[in-house]
Amino acid sequence: MDFSTVPACKLWEGSLCLGRNSVRSQEASPQMIGSFLQFRTLDELRDFVYETFCEHYQLQIGAFHMTEQVLRRGGKPCGIYFCLHGPRAVRFTAIWETESNQVLFYGSTGERFQKLQLSTAPDFVQKNNTGVRVAA
């Protein structure tokens, strides 16, 4: 799927939500560096994406599931496609694009509502079929 043709709209200026069903320590939370976000792990990025959707669309945290898929270019990982499966079969998507290290958030109609620049990329690891985390 080519996301370069998705129409852009005014960026949403939201606050940073922390913790999915739990309170995270200051040490484990994403940090703002200037106007950039920094995540230490892919789990922190995943939680941030989930919570950003929940805050933006006023969804209850933990009520809906999110799936993800590694995006590849030339056989090498180049990003992650996140999809939150919301109420009434509505889907909200985000893409972490590793080359520019940006996260792009899209609503159910394809409009982009937020674009975030990350200062450093989290470790790009994924689980294999046995549940063991491996480098992508």
Protein backbone atom coordinates (compact mmCIF):
# COMPACT_ATOMS: atom_id res chain seq x y z
CA MET A 1 0.00 0.00 0.00
CA ASP A 2 1.35 3.43 -0.92
CA PHE A 3 0.80 5.89 1.94
CA SER A 4 2.36 8.85 0.13
CA THR A 5 -1.00 9.58 -1.50
CA VAL A 6 -2.91 9.80 1.80
CA PRO A 7 -4.21 13.36 2.16
CA ALA A 8 -2.76 15.42 4.98
CA CYS A 9 -4.75 17.65 7.28
CA LYS A 10 -3.94 20.01 10.13
CA LEU A 11 -1.69 18.35 12.69
CA TRP A 12 -3.15 17.53 16.06
CA GLU A 13 -1.29 18.95 19.04
CA GLY A 14 -2.01 16.47 21.84
CA SER A 15 -0.46 15.71 25.17
CA LEU A 16 1.68 12.70 25.93
CA CYS A 17 -0.23 9.79 27.48
CA LEU A 18 1.67 7.27 29.52
CA GLY A 19 0.84 3.74 30.65
CA ARG A 20 -1.58 1.18 29.22
CA ASN A 21 -3.53 -0.24 32.17
CA SER A 22 -0.61 0.57 34.45
CA VAL A 23 1.49 3.46 35.65
CA ARG A 24 5.01 3.45 34.25
CA SER A 25 7.98 4.80 36.11
CA GLN A 26 9.64 8.02 34.98
CA GLU A 27 12.67 5.95 33.92
CA ALA A 28 10.65 3.83 31.46
CA SER A 29 8.52 6.57 29.95
CA PRO A 30 9.15 8.25 26.59
CA GLN A 31 10.98 11.54 26.88
CA MET A 32 10.53 14.83 25.09
CA ILE A 33 13.81 16.23 23.78
CA GLY A 34 13.09 19.67 22.40
CA SER A 35 10.18 18.97 20.06
CA PHE A 36 11.22 15.35 19.50
CA LEU A 37 10.08 12.19 21.26
CA GLN A 38 12.51 9.51 22.35
CA PHE A 39 11.55 5.88 22.96
CA ARG A 40 13.98 3.31 24.35
CA THR A 41 12.03 0.23 23.27
CA LEU A 42 9.55 -0.81 20.63
CA ASP A 43 7.07 -1.57 23.44
CA GLU A 44 7.17 2.09 24.52
CA LEU A 45 6.50 3.20 20.94
CA ARG A 46 3.67 0.66 20.60
CA ASP A 47 2.06 1.85 23.84
CA PHE A 48 2.39 5.49 22.78
CA VAL A 49 0.72 4.80 19.42
CA TYR A 50 -2.13 2.93 21.14
CA GLU A 51 -2.66 5.63 23.75
CA THR A 52 -2.48 8.44 21.18
CA PHE A 53 -5.36 6.85 19.27
CA CYS A 54 -7.35 6.32 22.48
CA GLU A 55 -6.87 9.94 23.57
CA HIS A 56 -7.55 11.43 20.15
CA TYR A 57 -10.74 9.42 19.56
CA GLN A 58 -11.83 9.26 23.22
CA LEU A 59 -11.59 5.47 23.37
CA GLN A 60 -11.25 3.48 26.57
CA ILE A 61 -7.67 2.23 26.97
CA GLY A 62 -7.58 -1.57 26.81
CA ALA A 63 -11.03 -1.93 25.21
CA PHE A 64 -9.75 -2.43 21.66
CA HIS A 65 -6.88 -4.44 20.21
CA MET A 66 -4.11 -3.25 17.97
CA THR A 67 -2.24 -5.25 15.37
CA GLU A 68 1.05 -4.46 13.69
CA GLN A 69 3.04 -5.56 10.68
CA VAL A 70 6.67 -4.99 9.79
CA LEU A 71 7.02 -3.07 6.53
CA ARG A 72 9.86 -4.12 4.24
CA ARG A 73 11.61 -2.43 1.34
CA GLY A 74 14.02 -4.55 -0.66
CA GLY A 75 13.61 -7.36 1.87
CA LYS A 76 14.82 -5.17 4.76
CA PRO A 77 12.57 -3.76 7.51
CA CYS A 78 11.78 -0.09 6.92
CA GLY A 79 8.96 0.54 9.36
CA ILE A 80 5.96 -0.77 11.26
CA TYR A 81 2.30 -0.46 10.32
CA PHE A 82 0.05 -0.22 13.41
CA CYS A 83 -3.72 -0.73 13.18
CA LEU A 84 -6.10 -0.11 16.09
CA HIS A 85 -9.36 -1.99 15.56
CA GLY A 86 -11.93 0.37 17.07
CA PRO A 87 -15.69 0.31 17.56
CA ARG A 88 -18.03 -0.70 14.73
CA ALA A 89 -15.14 -2.14 12.66
CA VAL A 90 -13.46 1.29 12.43
CA ARG A 91 -9.69 1.15 11.92
CA PHE A 92 -7.12 3.77 12.83
CA THR A 93 -3.58 3.41 11.51
CA ALA A 94 -0.10 4.71 12.19
CA ILE A 95 3.19 4.11 10.46
CA TRP A 96 6.60 4.33 12.02
CA GLU A 97 8.91 5.06 9.09
CA THR A 98 12.46 4.22 10.15
CA GLU A 99 14.40 6.12 7.47
CA SER A 100 13.05 9.52 8.53
CA ASN A 101 12.28 8.21 12.05
CA GLN A 102 8.75 9.63 12.02
CA VAL A 103 5.40 8.32 13.22
CA LEU A 104 2.43 9.25 11.03
CA PHE A 105 -1.10 8.87 12.44
CA TYR A 106 -4.14 8.42 10.17
CA GLY A 107 -7.86 8.45 10.96
CA SER A 108 -10.44 6.01 9.68
CA THR A 109 -10.93 7.98 6.44
CA GLY A 110 -7.22 8.18 5.66
CA GLU A 111 -6.62 11.76 6.80
CA ARG A 112 -3.35 12.33 8.64
CA PHE A 113 -4.00 13.94 12.01
CA GLN A 114 -0.54 13.86 13.56
CA LYS A 115 3.10 13.62 12.52
CA LEU A 116 5.81 13.08 15.14
CA GLN A 117 9.56 13.20 14.72
CA LEU A 118 11.50 10.82 16.98
CA SER A 119 14.95 11.86 18.17
CA THR A 120 16.27 8.31 18.33
CA ALA A 121 14.79 5.10 17.02
CA PRO A 122 13.84 2.35 19.47
CA ASP A 123 15.53 -1.02 19.05
CA PHE A 124 13.83 -2.70 16.08
CA VAL A 125 13.05 -6.18 17.43
CA GLN A 126 10.10 -8.45 16.88
CA LYS A 127 8.82 -11.75 18.24
CA ASN A 128 9.32 -14.91 16.22
CA ASN A 129 6.77 -17.74 16.16
CA THR A 130 8.04 -19.09 19.51
CA GLY A 131 7.59 -15.72 21.24
CA VAL A 132 11.33 -15.01 21.47
CA ARG A 133 12.34 -11.48 20.58
CA VAL A 134 14.80 -11.29 17.69
CA ALA A 135 16.31 -8.46 15.66
CA ALA A 136 14.28 -7.75 12.55
